[in-house]
mmCIF file of all heavy atoms, coordinates in Angstrom:
data_MODEL
# 
_entry.id   MODEL 
# 
loop_
_atom_site.group_PDB 
_atom_site.id 
_atom_site.type_symbol 
_atom_site.label_atom_id 
_atom_site.label_alt_id 
_atom_site.label_comp_id 
_atom_site.label_asym_id 
_atom_site.label_entity_id 
_atom_site.label_seq_id 
_atom_site.pdbx_PDB_ins_code 
_atom_site.Cartn_x 
_atom_site.Cartn_y 
_atom_site.Cartn_z 
_atom_site.occupancy 
_atom_site.B_iso_or_equiv 
_atom_site.pdbx_formal_charge 
_atom_site.auth_seq_id 
_atom_site.auth_comp_id 
_atom_site.auth_asym_id 
_atom_site.auth_atom_id 
_atom_site.pdbx_PDB_model_num 
ATOM 1   N N   . SER A 1 1  ? 0.808  -1.229 0.000   1.00 0.00 ? 1  SER A N   1 
ATOM 2   C CA  . SER A 1 1  ? 0.000  0.000  0.000   1.00 0.00 ? 1  SER A CA  1 
ATOM 3   C C   . SER A 1 1  ? 0.838  1.275  0.000   1.00 0.00 ? 1  SER A C   1 
ATOM 4   O O   . SER A 1 1  ? 0.507  2.253  0.669   1.00 0.00 ? 1  SER A O   1 
ATOM 5   C CB  . SER A 1 1  ? -0.954 0.008  1.199   1.00 0.00 ? 1  SER A CB  1 
ATOM 6   O OG  . SER A 1 1  ? -1.827 -1.086 1.133   1.00 0.00 ? 1  SER A OG  1 
ATOM 7   N N   . ILE A 1 2  ? 1.960  1.260  -0.728  1.00 0.00 ? 2  ILE A N   1 
ATOM 8   C CA  . ILE A 1 2  ? 2.736  2.500  -0.865  1.00 0.00 ? 2  ILE A CA  1 
ATOM 9   C C   . ILE A 1 2  ? 2.189  3.251  -2.073  1.00 0.00 ? 2  ILE A C   1 
ATOM 10  O O   . ILE A 1 2  ? 2.878  3.518  -3.049  1.00 0.00 ? 2  ILE A O   1 
ATOM 11  C CB  . ILE A 1 2  ? 4.245  2.204  -1.019  1.00 0.00 ? 2  ILE A CB  1 
ATOM 12  C CG1 . ILE A 1 2  ? 4.702  1.274  0.089   1.00 0.00 ? 2  ILE A CG1 1 
ATOM 13  C CG2 . ILE A 1 2  ? 5.057  3.476  -0.983  1.00 0.00 ? 2  ILE A CG2 1 
ATOM 14  C CD1 . ILE A 1 2  ? 6.180  1.080  0.204   1.00 0.00 ? 2  ILE A CD1 1 
ATOM 15  N N   . LYS A 1 3  ? 0.932  3.586  -1.984  1.00 0.00 ? 3  LYS A N   1 
ATOM 16  C CA  . LYS A 1 3  ? 0.282  4.306  -3.079  1.00 0.00 ? 3  LYS A CA  1 
ATOM 17  C C   . LYS A 1 3  ? 0.306  5.816  -2.845  1.00 0.00 ? 3  LYS A C   1 
ATOM 18  O O   . LYS A 1 3  ? -0.086 6.578  -3.715  1.00 0.00 ? 3  LYS A O   1 
ATOM 19  C CB  . LYS A 1 3  ? -1.157 3.815  -3.238  1.00 0.00 ? 3  LYS A CB  1 
ATOM 20  C CG  . LYS A 1 3  ? -1.231 2.356  -3.669  1.00 0.00 ? 3  LYS A CG  1 
ATOM 21  C CD  . LYS A 1 3  ? -2.665 1.900  -3.869  1.00 0.00 ? 3  LYS A CD  1 
ATOM 22  C CE  . LYS A 1 3  ? -2.708 0.438  -4.283  1.00 0.00 ? 3  LYS A CE  1 
ATOM 23  N NZ  . LYS A 1 3  ? -4.091 -0.045 -4.494  1.00 0.00 ? 3  LYS A NZ  1 
ATOM 24  N N   . SER A 1 4  ? 0.775  6.210  -1.659  1.00 0.00 ? 4  SER A N   1 
ATOM 25  C CA  . SER A 1 4  ? 0.883  7.637  -1.367  1.00 0.00 ? 4  SER A CA  1 
ATOM 26  C C   . SER A 1 4  ? 2.251  8.195  -1.755  1.00 0.00 ? 4  SER A C   1 
ATOM 27  O O   . SER A 1 4  ? 2.576  9.333  -1.426  1.00 0.00 ? 4  SER A O   1 
ATOM 28  C CB  . SER A 1 4  ? 0.626  7.884  0.123   1.00 0.00 ? 4  SER A CB  1 
ATOM 29  O OG  . SER A 1 4  ? 1.584  7.185  0.917   1.00 0.00 ? 4  SER A OG  1 
ATOM 30  N N   . LEU A 1 5  ? 3.036  7.391  -2.478  1.00 0.00 ? 5  LEU A N   1 
ATOM 31  C CA  . LEU A 1 5  ? 4.374  7.783  -2.884  1.00 0.00 ? 5  LEU A CA  1 
ATOM 32  C C   . LEU A 1 5  ? 4.328  9.094  -3.675  1.00 0.00 ? 5  LEU A C   1 
ATOM 33  O O   . LEU A 1 5  ? 3.527  9.250  -4.593  1.00 0.00 ? 5  LEU A O   1 
ATOM 34  C CB  . LEU A 1 5  ? 4.982  6.675  -3.751  1.00 0.00 ? 5  LEU A CB  1 
ATOM 35  C CG  . LEU A 1 5  ? 6.505  6.618  -3.875  1.00 0.00 ? 5  LEU A CG  1 
ATOM 36  C CD1 . LEU A 1 5  ? 7.117  6.264  -2.530  1.00 0.00 ? 5  LEU A CD1 1 
ATOM 37  C CD2 . LEU A 1 5  ? 6.894  5.584  -4.917  1.00 0.00 ? 5  LEU A CD2 1 
ATOM 38  N N   . LYS A 1 6  ? 5.208  10.037 -3.326  1.00 0.00 ? 6  LYS A N   1 
ATOM 39  C CA  . LYS A 1 6  ? 5.244  11.329 -4.018  1.00 0.00 ? 6  LYS A CA  1 
ATOM 40  C C   . LYS A 1 6  ? 6.441  11.470 -4.943  1.00 0.00 ? 6  LYS A C   1 
ATOM 41  O O   . LYS A 1 6  ? 6.413  12.256 -5.891  1.00 0.00 ? 6  LYS A O   1 
ATOM 42  C CB  . LYS A 1 6  ? 5.227  12.471 -2.997  1.00 0.00 ? 6  LYS A CB  1 
ATOM 43  C CG  . LYS A 1 6  ? 3.909  12.576 -2.253  1.00 0.00 ? 6  LYS A CG  1 
ATOM 44  C CD  . LYS A 1 6  ? 3.829  13.844 -1.433  1.00 0.00 ? 6  LYS A CD  1 
ATOM 45  C CE  . LYS A 1 6  ? 2.452  13.977 -0.790  1.00 0.00 ? 6  LYS A CE  1 
ATOM 46  N NZ  . LYS A 1 6  ? 2.320  15.238 -0.012  1.00 0.00 ? 6  LYS A NZ  1 
ATOM 47  N N   . TYR A 1 7  ? 7.528  10.740 -4.657  1.00 0.00 ? 7  TYR A N   1 
ATOM 48  C CA  . TYR A 1 7  ? 8.723  10.775 -5.507  1.00 0.00 ? 7  TYR A CA  1 
ATOM 49  C C   . TYR A 1 7  ? 9.131  9.368  -5.861  1.00 0.00 ? 7  TYR A C   1 
ATOM 50  O O   . TYR A 1 7  ? 9.214  8.486  -4.999  1.00 0.00 ? 7  TYR A O   1 
ATOM 51  C CB  . TYR A 1 7  ? 9.883  11.482 -4.804  1.00 0.00 ? 7  TYR A CB  1 
ATOM 52  C CG  . TYR A 1 7  ? 11.211 11.283 -5.516  1.00 0.00 ? 7  TYR A CG  1 
ATOM 53  C CD1 . TYR A 1 7  ? 11.581 12.110 -6.565  1.00 0.00 ? 7  TYR A CD1 1 
ATOM 54  C CD2 . TYR A 1 7  ? 12.064 10.252 -5.154  1.00 0.00 ? 7  TYR A CD2 1 
ATOM 55  C CE1 . TYR A 1 7  ? 12.776 11.919 -7.235  1.00 0.00 ? 7  TYR A CE1 1 
ATOM 56  C CE2 . TYR A 1 7  ? 13.269 10.044 -5.806  1.00 0.00 ? 7  TYR A CE2 1 
ATOM 57  C CZ  . TYR A 1 7  ? 13.614 10.884 -6.855  1.00 0.00 ? 7  TYR A CZ  1 
ATOM 58  O OH  . TYR A 1 7  ? 14.808 10.675 -7.520  1.00 0.00 ? 7  TYR A OH  1 
ATOM 59  N N   . LEU A 1 8  ? 9.408  9.118  -7.131  1.00 0.00 ? 8  LEU A N   1 
ATOM 60  C CA  . LEU A 1 8  ? 9.906  7.816  -7.585  1.00 0.00 ? 8  LEU A CA  1 
ATOM 61  C C   . LEU A 1 8  ? 11.059 8.039  -8.548  1.00 0.00 ? 8  LEU A C   1 
ATOM 62  O O   . LEU A 1 8  ? 10.927 8.719  -9.575  1.00 0.00 ? 8  LEU A O   1 
ATOM 63  C CB  . LEU A 1 8  ? 8.795  7.029  -8.283  1.00 0.00 ? 8  LEU A CB  1 
ATOM 64  C CG  . LEU A 1 8  ? 9.207  5.691  -8.924  1.00 0.00 ? 8  LEU A CG  1 
ATOM 65  C CD1 . LEU A 1 8  ? 9.755  4.739  -7.854  1.00 0.00 ? 8  LEU A CD1 1 
ATOM 66  C CD2 . LEU A 1 8  ? 8.016  5.054  -9.639  1.00 0.00 ? 8  LEU A CD2 1 
ATOM 67  N N   . GLY A 1 9  ? 12.243 7.516  -8.199  1.00 0.00 ? 9  GLY A N   1 
ATOM 68  C CA  . GLY A 1 9  ? 13.420 7.597  -9.061  1.00 0.00 ? 9  GLY A CA  1 
ATOM 69  C C   . GLY A 1 9  ? 13.832 6.208  -9.512  1.00 0.00 ? 9  GLY A C   1 
ATOM 70  O O   . GLY A 1 9  ? 13.980 5.292  -8.694  1.00 0.00 ? 9  GLY A O   1 
ATOM 71  N N   . ILE A 1 10 ? 13.997 6.025  -10.812 1.00 0.00 ? 10 ILE A N   1 
ATOM 72  C CA  . ILE A 1 10 ? 14.344 4.715  -11.390 1.00 0.00 ? 10 ILE A CA  1 
ATOM 73  C C   . ILE A 1 10 ? 15.635 4.881  -12.188 1.00 0.00 ? 10 ILE A C   1 
ATOM 74  O O   . ILE A 1 10 ? 15.687 5.663  -13.145 1.00 0.00 ? 10 ILE A O   1 
ATOM 75  C CB  . ILE A 1 10 ? 13.211 4.208  -12.302 1.00 0.00 ? 10 ILE A CB  1 
ATOM 76  C CG1 . ILE A 1 10 ? 11.912 4.072  -11.492 1.00 0.00 ? 10 ILE A CG1 1 
ATOM 77  C CG2 . ILE A 1 10 ? 13.578 2.873  -12.938 1.00 0.00 ? 10 ILE A CG2 1 
ATOM 78  C CD1 . ILE A 1 10 ? 10.687 3.825  -12.342 1.00 0.00 ? 10 ILE A CD1 1 
ATOM 79  N N   . PHE A 1 11 ? 16.690 4.157  -11.810 1.00 0.00 ? 11 PHE A N   1 
ATOM 80  C CA  . PHE A 1 11 ? 18.011 4.371  -12.375 1.00 0.00 ? 11 PHE A CA  1 
ATOM 81  C C   . PHE A 1 11 ? 18.658 3.051  -12.813 1.00 0.00 ? 11 PHE A C   1 
ATOM 82  O O   . PHE A 1 11 ? 18.550 2.031  -12.128 1.00 0.00 ? 11 PHE A O   1 
ATOM 83  C CB  . PHE A 1 11 ? 18.936 5.045  -11.346 1.00 0.00 ? 11 PHE A CB  1 
ATOM 84  C CG  . PHE A 1 11 ? 18.404 6.334  -10.788 1.00 0.00 ? 11 PHE A CG  1 
ATOM 85  C CD1 . PHE A 1 11 ? 17.632 6.341  -9.636  1.00 0.00 ? 11 PHE A CD1 1 
ATOM 86  C CD2 . PHE A 1 11 ? 18.648 7.543  -11.419 1.00 0.00 ? 11 PHE A CD2 1 
ATOM 87  C CE1 . PHE A 1 11 ? 17.140 7.519  -9.105  1.00 0.00 ? 11 PHE A CE1 1 
ATOM 88  C CE2 . PHE A 1 11 ? 18.159 8.734  -10.904 1.00 0.00 ? 11 PHE A CE2 1 
ATOM 89  C CZ  . PHE A 1 11 ? 17.408 8.718  -9.754  1.00 0.00 ? 11 PHE A CZ  1 
ATOM 90  N N   . ASP A 1 12 ? 19.333 3.099  -13.952 1.00 0.00 ? 12 ASP A N   1 
ATOM 91  C CA  . ASP A 1 12 ? 20.234 2.021  -14.378 1.00 0.00 ? 12 ASP A CA  1 
ATOM 92  C C   . ASP A 1 12 ? 19.563 0.657  -14.485 1.00 0.00 ? 12 ASP A C   1 
ATOM 93  O O   . ASP A 1 12 ? 20.150 -0.378 -14.120 1.00 0.00 ? 12 ASP A O   1 
ATOM 94  C CB  . ASP A 1 12 ? 21.441 1.914  -13.433 1.00 0.00 ? 12 ASP A CB  1 
ATOM 95  C CG  . ASP A 1 12 ? 22.270 3.182  -13.446 1.00 0.00 ? 12 ASP A CG  1 
ATOM 96  O OD1 . ASP A 1 12 ? 22.704 3.587  -14.538 1.00 0.00 ? 12 ASP A OD1 1 
ATOM 97  O OD2 . ASP A 1 12 ? 22.476 3.779  -12.381 1.00 0.00 ? 12 ASP A OD2 1 
ATOM 98  N N   . LEU A 1 13 ? 18.344 0.631  -15.000 1.00 0.00 ? 13 LEU A N   1 
ATOM 99  C CA  . LEU A 1 13 ? 17.702 -0.653 -15.299 1.00 0.00 ? 13 LEU A CA  1 
ATOM 100 C C   . LEU A 1 13 ? 18.063 -1.014 -16.734 1.00 0.00 ? 13 LEU A C   1 
ATOM 101 O O   . LEU A 1 13 ? 17.348 -0.686 -17.676 1.00 0.00 ? 13 LEU A O   1 
ATOM 102 C CB  . LEU A 1 13 ? 16.181 -0.547 -15.117 1.00 0.00 ? 13 LEU A CB  1 
ATOM 103 C CG  . LEU A 1 13 ? 15.704 -0.257 -13.696 1.00 0.00 ? 13 LEU A CG  1 
ATOM 104 C CD1 . LEU A 1 13 ? 14.191 -0.192 -13.647 1.00 0.00 ? 13 LEU A CD1 1 
ATOM 105 C CD2 . LEU A 1 13 ? 16.198 -1.312 -12.730 1.00 0.00 ? 13 LEU A CD2 1 
ATOM 106 N N   . THR A 1 14 ? 19.182 -1.681 -16.893 1.00 0.00 ? 14 THR A N   1 
ATOM 107 C CA  . THR A 1 14 ? 19.768 -1.859 -18.224 1.00 0.00 ? 14 THR A CA  1 
ATOM 108 C C   . THR A 1 14 ? 18.987 -2.813 -19.121 1.00 0.00 ? 14 THR A C   1 
ATOM 109 O O   . THR A 1 14 ? 19.162 -2.789 -20.338 1.00 0.00 ? 14 THR A O   1 
ATOM 110 C CB  . THR A 1 14 ? 21.216 -2.363 -18.078 1.00 0.00 ? 14 THR A CB  1 
ATOM 111 O OG1 . THR A 1 14 ? 21.214 -3.583 -17.315 1.00 0.00 ? 14 THR A OG1 1 
ATOM 112 C CG2 . THR A 1 14 ? 22.074 -1.335 -17.374 1.00 0.00 ? 14 THR A CG2 1 
ATOM 113 N N   . LYS A 1 15 ? 18.134 -3.668 -18.547 1.00 0.00 ? 15 LYS A N   1 
ATOM 114 C CA  . LYS A 1 15 ? 17.391 -4.632 -19.361 1.00 0.00 ? 15 LYS A CA  1 
ATOM 115 C C   . LYS A 1 15 ? 15.902 -4.318 -19.439 1.00 0.00 ? 15 LYS A C   1 
ATOM 116 O O   . LYS A 1 15 ? 15.152 -5.039 -20.094 1.00 0.00 ? 15 LYS A O   1 
ATOM 117 C CB  . LYS A 1 15 ? 17.591 -6.047 -18.814 1.00 0.00 ? 15 LYS A CB  1 
ATOM 118 C CG  . LYS A 1 15 ? 19.034 -6.526 -18.893 1.00 0.00 ? 15 LYS A CG  1 
ATOM 119 C CD  . LYS A 1 15 ? 19.169 -7.964 -18.412 1.00 0.00 ? 15 LYS A CD  1 
ATOM 120 C CE  . LYS A 1 15 ? 20.620 -8.434 -18.487 1.00 0.00 ? 15 LYS A CE  1 
ATOM 121 N NZ  . LYS A 1 15 ? 20.746 -9.830 -18.030 1.00 0.00 ? 15 LYS A NZ  1 
ATOM 122 N N   . LEU A 1 16 ? 15.491 -3.267 -18.809 1.00 0.00 ? 16 LEU A N   1 
ATOM 123 C CA  . LEU A 1 16 ? 14.069 -2.932 -18.770 1.00 0.00 ? 16 LEU A CA  1 
ATOM 124 C C   . LEU A 1 16 ? 13.591 -2.400 -20.125 1.00 0.00 ? 16 LEU A C   1 
ATOM 125 O O   . LEU A 1 16 ? 14.204 -1.522 -20.711 1.00 0.00 ? 16 LEU A O   1 
ATOM 126 C CB  . LEU A 1 16 ? 13.822 -1.871 -17.699 1.00 0.00 ? 16 LEU A CB  1 
ATOM 127 C CG  . LEU A 1 16 ? 12.365 -1.550 -17.400 1.00 0.00 ? 16 LEU A CG  1 
ATOM 128 C CD1 . LEU A 1 16 ? 11.706 -2.713 -16.678 1.00 0.00 ? 16 LEU A CD1 1 
ATOM 129 C CD2 . LEU A 1 16 ? 12.260 -0.284 -16.562 1.00 0.00 ? 16 LEU A CD2 1 
ATOM 130 N N   . ARG A 1 17 ? 12.460 -2.941 -20.630 1.00 0.00 ? 17 ARG A N   1 
ATOM 131 C CA  . ARG A 1 17 ? 11.909 -2.498 -21.917 1.00 0.00 ? 17 ARG A CA  1 
ATOM 132 C C   . ARG A 1 17 ? 10.592 -1.753 -21.758 1.00 0.00 ? 17 ARG A C   1 
ATOM 133 O O   . ARG A 1 17 ? 10.231 -0.960 -22.625 1.00 0.00 ? 17 ARG A O   1 
ATOM 134 C CB  . ARG A 1 17 ? 11.734 -3.685 -22.856 1.00 0.00 ? 17 ARG A CB  1 
ATOM 135 C CG  . ARG A 1 17 ? 13.064 -4.313 -23.260 1.00 0.00 ? 17 ARG A CG  1 
ATOM 136 C CD  . ARG A 1 17 ? 12.904 -5.302 -24.382 1.00 0.00 ? 17 ARG A CD  1 
ATOM 137 N NE  . ARG A 1 17 ? 14.192 -5.808 -24.828 1.00 0.00 ? 17 ARG A NE  1 
ATOM 138 C CZ  . ARG A 1 17 ? 14.990 -5.205 -25.693 1.00 0.00 ? 17 ARG A CZ  1 
ATOM 139 N NH1 . ARG A 1 17 ? 14.614 -4.052 -26.219 1.00 0.00 ? 17 ARG A NH1 1 
ATOM 140 N NH2 . ARG A 1 17 ? 16.150 -5.722 -26.026 1.00 0.00 ? 17 ARG A NH2 1 
ATOM 141 N N   . TYR A 1 18 ? 9.869  -1.994 -20.702 1.00 0.00 ? 18 TYR A N   1 
ATOM 142 C CA  . TYR A 1 18 ? 8.643  -1.251 -20.435 1.00 0.00 ? 18 TYR A CA  1 
ATOM 143 C C   . TYR A 1 18 ? 8.343  -1.330 -18.943 1.00 0.00 ? 18 TYR A C   1 
ATOM 144 O O   . TYR A 1 18 ? 8.854  -2.193 -18.230 1.00 0.00 ? 18 TYR A O   1 
ATOM 145 C CB  . TYR A 1 18 ? 7.462  -1.792 -21.251 1.00 0.00 ? 18 TYR A CB  1 
ATOM 146 C CG  . TYR A 1 18 ? 7.115  -3.228 -20.971 1.00 0.00 ? 18 TYR A CG  1 
ATOM 147 C CD1 . TYR A 1 18 ? 6.190  -3.548 -19.978 1.00 0.00 ? 18 TYR A CD1 1 
ATOM 148 C CD2 . TYR A 1 18 ? 7.695  -4.265 -21.696 1.00 0.00 ? 18 TYR A CD2 1 
ATOM 149 C CE1 . TYR A 1 18 ? 5.870  -4.863 -19.708 1.00 0.00 ? 18 TYR A CE1 1 
ATOM 150 C CE2 . TYR A 1 18 ? 7.377  -5.580 -21.433 1.00 0.00 ? 18 TYR A CE2 1 
ATOM 151 C CZ  . TYR A 1 18 ? 6.467  -5.886 -20.433 1.00 0.00 ? 18 TYR A CZ  1 
ATOM 152 O OH  . TYR A 1 18 ? 6.151  -7.186 -20.175 1.00 0.00 ? 18 TYR A OH  1 
ATOM 153 N N   . PHE A 1 19 ? 7.518  -0.416 -18.477 1.00 0.00 ? 19 PHE A N   1 
ATOM 154 C CA  . PHE A 1 19 ? 7.160  -0.366 -17.073 1.00 0.00 ? 19 PHE A CA  1 
ATOM 155 C C   . PHE A 1 19 ? 5.868  -1.132 -16.814 1.00 0.00 ? 19 PHE A C   1 
ATOM 156 O O   . PHE A 1 19 ? 5.006  -1.216 -17.691 1.00 0.00 ? 19 PHE A O   1 
ATOM 157 C CB  . PHE A 1 19 ? 6.978  1.083  -16.610 1.00 0.00 ? 19 PHE A CB  1 
ATOM 158 C CG  . PHE A 1 19 ? 8.265  1.843  -16.564 1.00 0.00 ? 19 PHE A CG  1 
ATOM 159 C CD1 . PHE A 1 19 ? 8.389  3.043  -17.245 1.00 0.00 ? 19 PHE A CD1 1 
ATOM 160 C CD2 . PHE A 1 19 ? 9.334  1.379  -15.842 1.00 0.00 ? 19 PHE A CD2 1 
ATOM 161 C CE1 . PHE A 1 19 ? 9.572  3.749  -17.212 1.00 0.00 ? 19 PHE A CE1 1 
ATOM 162 C CE2 . PHE A 1 19 ? 10.527 2.079  -15.798 1.00 0.00 ? 19 PHE A CE2 1 
ATOM 163 C CZ  . PHE A 1 19 ? 10.634 3.265  -16.481 1.00 0.00 ? 19 PHE A CZ  1 
ATOM 164 N N   . PRO A 1 20 ? 5.709  -1.660 -15.612 1.00 0.00 ? 20 PRO A N   1 
ATOM 165 C CA  . PRO A 1 20 ? 4.466  -2.355 -15.281 1.00 0.00 ? 20 PRO A CA  1 
ATOM 166 C C   . PRO A 1 20 ? 3.319  -1.362 -15.117 1.00 0.00 ? 20 PRO A C   1 
ATOM 167 O O   . PRO A 1 20 ? 3.495  -0.251 -14.619 1.00 0.00 ? 20 PRO A O   1 
ATOM 168 C CB  . PRO A 1 20 ? 4.791  -3.038 -13.945 1.00 0.00 ? 20 PRO A CB  1 
ATOM 169 C CG  . PRO A 1 20 ? 5.878  -2.206 -13.353 1.00 0.00 ? 20 PRO A CG  1 
ATOM 170 C CD  . PRO A 1 20 ? 6.688  -1.702 -14.507 1.00 0.00 ? 20 PRO A CD  1 
ATOM 171 N N   . THR A 1 21 ? 2.145  -1.758 -15.531 1.00 0.00 ? 21 THR A N   1 
ATOM 172 C CA  . THR A 1 21 ? 0.987  -0.859 -15.455 1.00 0.00 ? 21 THR A CA  1 
ATOM 173 C C   . THR A 1 21 ? 0.613  -0.520 -14.014 1.00 0.00 ? 21 THR A C   1 
ATOM 174 O O   . THR A 1 21 ? -0.098 0.458  -13.782 1.00 0.00 ? 21 THR A O   1 
ATOM 175 C CB  . THR A 1 21 ? -0.227 -1.503 -16.147 1.00 0.00 ? 21 THR A CB  1 
ATOM 176 O OG1 . THR A 1 21 ? -0.467 -2.788 -15.553 1.00 0.00 ? 21 THR A OG1 1 
ATOM 177 C CG2 . THR A 1 21 ? 0.031  -1.669 -17.630 1.00 0.00 ? 21 THR A CG2 1 
ATOM 178 N N   . GLN A 1 22 ? 1.116  -1.301 -13.050 1.00 0.00 ? 22 GLN A N   1 
ATOM 179 C CA  . GLN A 1 22 ? 0.785  -1.005 -11.658 1.00 0.00 ? 22 GLN A CA  1 
ATOM 180 C C   . GLN A 1 22 ? 1.273  0.379  -11.221 1.00 0.00 ? 22 GLN A C   1 
ATOM 181 O O   . GLN A 1 22 ? 0.738  0.971  -10.284 1.00 0.00 ? 22 GLN A O   1 
ATOM 182 C CB  . GLN A 1 22 ? 1.413  -2.061 -10.719 1.00 0.00 ? 22 GLN A CB  1 
ATOM 183 C CG  . GLN A 1 22 ? 0.834  -3.456 -10.905 1.00 0.00 ? 22 GLN A CG  1 
ATOM 184 C CD  . GLN A 1 22 ? 1.697  -4.269 -11.855 1.00 0.00 ? 22 GLN A CD  1 
ATOM 185 O OE1 . GLN A 1 22 ? 2.159  -3.761 -12.869 1.00 0.00 ? 22 GLN A OE1 1 
ATOM 186 N NE2 . GLN A 1 22 ? 1.899  -5.531 -11.514 1.00 0.00 ? 22 GLN A NE2 1 
ATOM 187 N N   . LEU A 1 23 ? 2.297  0.893  -11.911 1.00 0.00 ? 23 LEU A N   1 
ATOM 188 C CA  . LEU A 1 23 ? 2.799  2.217  -11.548 1.00 0.00 ? 23 LEU A CA  1 
ATOM 189 C C   . LEU A 1 23 ? 1.741  3.301  -11.729 1.00 0.00 ? 23 LEU A C   1 
ATOM 190 O O   . LEU A 1 23 ? 1.820  4.369  -11.128 1.00 0.00 ? 23 LEU A O   1 
ATOM 191 C CB  . LEU A 1 23 ? 4.038  2.564  -12.387 1.00 0.00 ? 23 LEU A CB  1 
ATOM 192 C CG  . LEU A 1 23 ? 5.340  1.864  -11.995 1.00 0.00 ? 23 LEU A CG  1 
ATOM 193 C CD1 . LEU A 1 23 ? 6.456  2.268  -12.931 1.00 0.00 ? 23 LEU A CD1 1 
ATOM 194 C CD2 . LEU A 1 23 ? 5.721  2.211  -10.565 1.00 0.00 ? 23 LEU A CD2 1 
ATOM 195 N N   . LEU A 1 24 ? 0.782  3.036  -12.563 1.00 0.00 ? 24 LEU A N   1 
ATOM 196 C CA  . LEU A 1 24 ? -0.266 4.017  -12.799 1.00 0.00 ? 24 LEU A CA  1 
ATOM 197 C C   . LEU A 1 24 ? -1.185 4.187  -11.596 1.00 0.00 ? 24 LEU A C   1 
ATOM 198 O O   . LEU A 1 24 ? -2.005 5.106  -11.569 1.00 0.00 ? 24 LEU A O   1 
ATOM 199 C CB  . LEU A 1 24 ? -1.086 3.619  -14.026 1.00 0.00 ? 24 LEU A CB  1 
ATOM 200 C CG  . LEU A 1 24 ? -0.313 3.680  -15.346 1.00 0.00 ? 24 LEU A CG  1 
ATOM 201 C CD1 . LEU A 1 24 ? -1.135 3.051  -16.455 1.00 0.00 ? 24 LEU A CD1 1 
ATOM 202 C CD2 . LEU A 1 24 ? 0.054  5.097  -15.689 1.00 0.00 ? 24 LEU A CD2 1 
ATOM 203 N N   . ASN A 1 25 ? -1.053 3.302  -10.608 1.00 0.00 ? 25 ASN A N   1 
ATOM 204 C CA  . ASN A 1 25 ? -1.869 3.418  -9.408  1.00 0.00 ? 25 ASN A CA  1 
ATOM 205 C C   . ASN A 1 25 ? -1.294 4.414  -8.410  1.00 0.00 ? 25 ASN A C   1 
ATOM 206 O O   . ASN A 1 25 ? -1.890 4.655  -7.361  1.00 0.00 ? 25 ASN A O   1 
ATOM 207 C CB  . ASN A 1 25 ? -1.998 2.044  -8.730  1.00 0.00 ? 25 ASN A CB  1 
ATOM 208 C CG  . ASN A 1 25 ? -2.784 1.060  -9.581  1.00 0.00 ? 25 ASN A CG  1 
ATOM 209 O OD1 . ASN A 1 25 ? -3.747 1.443  -10.240 1.00 0.00 ? 25 ASN A OD1 1 
ATOM 210 N ND2 . ASN A 1 25 ? -2.357 -0.187 -9.591  1.00 0.00 ? 25 ASN A ND2 1 
ATOM 211 N N   . LEU A 1 26 ? -0.127 5.000  -8.728  1.00 0.00 ? 26 LEU A N   1 
ATOM 212 C CA  . LEU A 1 26 ? 0.499  5.969  -7.827  1.00 0.00 ? 26 LEU A CA  1 
ATOM 213 C C   . LEU A 1 26 ? -0.131 7.342  -8.052  1.00 0.00 ? 26 LEU A C   1 
ATOM 214 O O   . LEU A 1 26 ? 0.480  8.261  -8.597  1.00 0.00 ? 26 LEU A O   1 
ATOM 215 C CB  . LEU A 1 26 ? 2.012  6.009  -8.067  1.00 0.00 ? 26 LEU A CB  1 
ATOM 216 C CG  . LEU A 1 26 ? 2.747  4.680  -7.842  1.00 0.00 ? 26 LEU A CG  1 
ATOM 217 C CD1 . LEU A 1 26 ? 4.208  4.802  -8.214  1.00 0.00 ? 26 LEU A CD1 1 
ATOM 218 C CD2 . LEU A 1 26 ? 2.612  4.243  -6.377  1.00 0.00 ? 26 LEU A CD2 1 
ATOM 219 N N   . THR A 1 27 ? -1.347 7.488  -7.612  1.00 0.00 ? 27 THR A N   1 
ATOM 220 C CA  . THR A 1 27 ? -2.124 8.700  -7.922  1.00 0.00 ? 27 THR A CA  1 
ATOM 221 C C   . THR A 1 27 ? -1.627 9.930  -7.178  1.00 0.00 ? 27 THR A C   1 
ATOM 222 O O   . THR A 1 27 ? -1.998 11.048 -7.533  1.00 0.00 ? 27 THR A O   1 
ATOM 223 C CB  . THR A 1 27 ? -3.604 8.474  -7.604  1.00 0.00 ? 27 THR A CB  1 
ATOM 224 O OG1 . THR A 1 27 ? -3.725 8.055  -6.239  1.00 0.00 ? 27 THR A OG1 1 
ATOM 225 C CG2 . THR A 1 27 ? -4.186 7.410  -8.521  1.00 0.00 ? 27 THR A CG2 1 
# 
C-alpha cells in the first residue's frame, strides 16, 4: 500500500523495456 508515494526515481535498469501498469496506481 505505498500508493501515497510522491517521488519515484528509477536508475540504471539496463534490461528494462517497459514499465508495469501497476505504476499508474500511484495517484
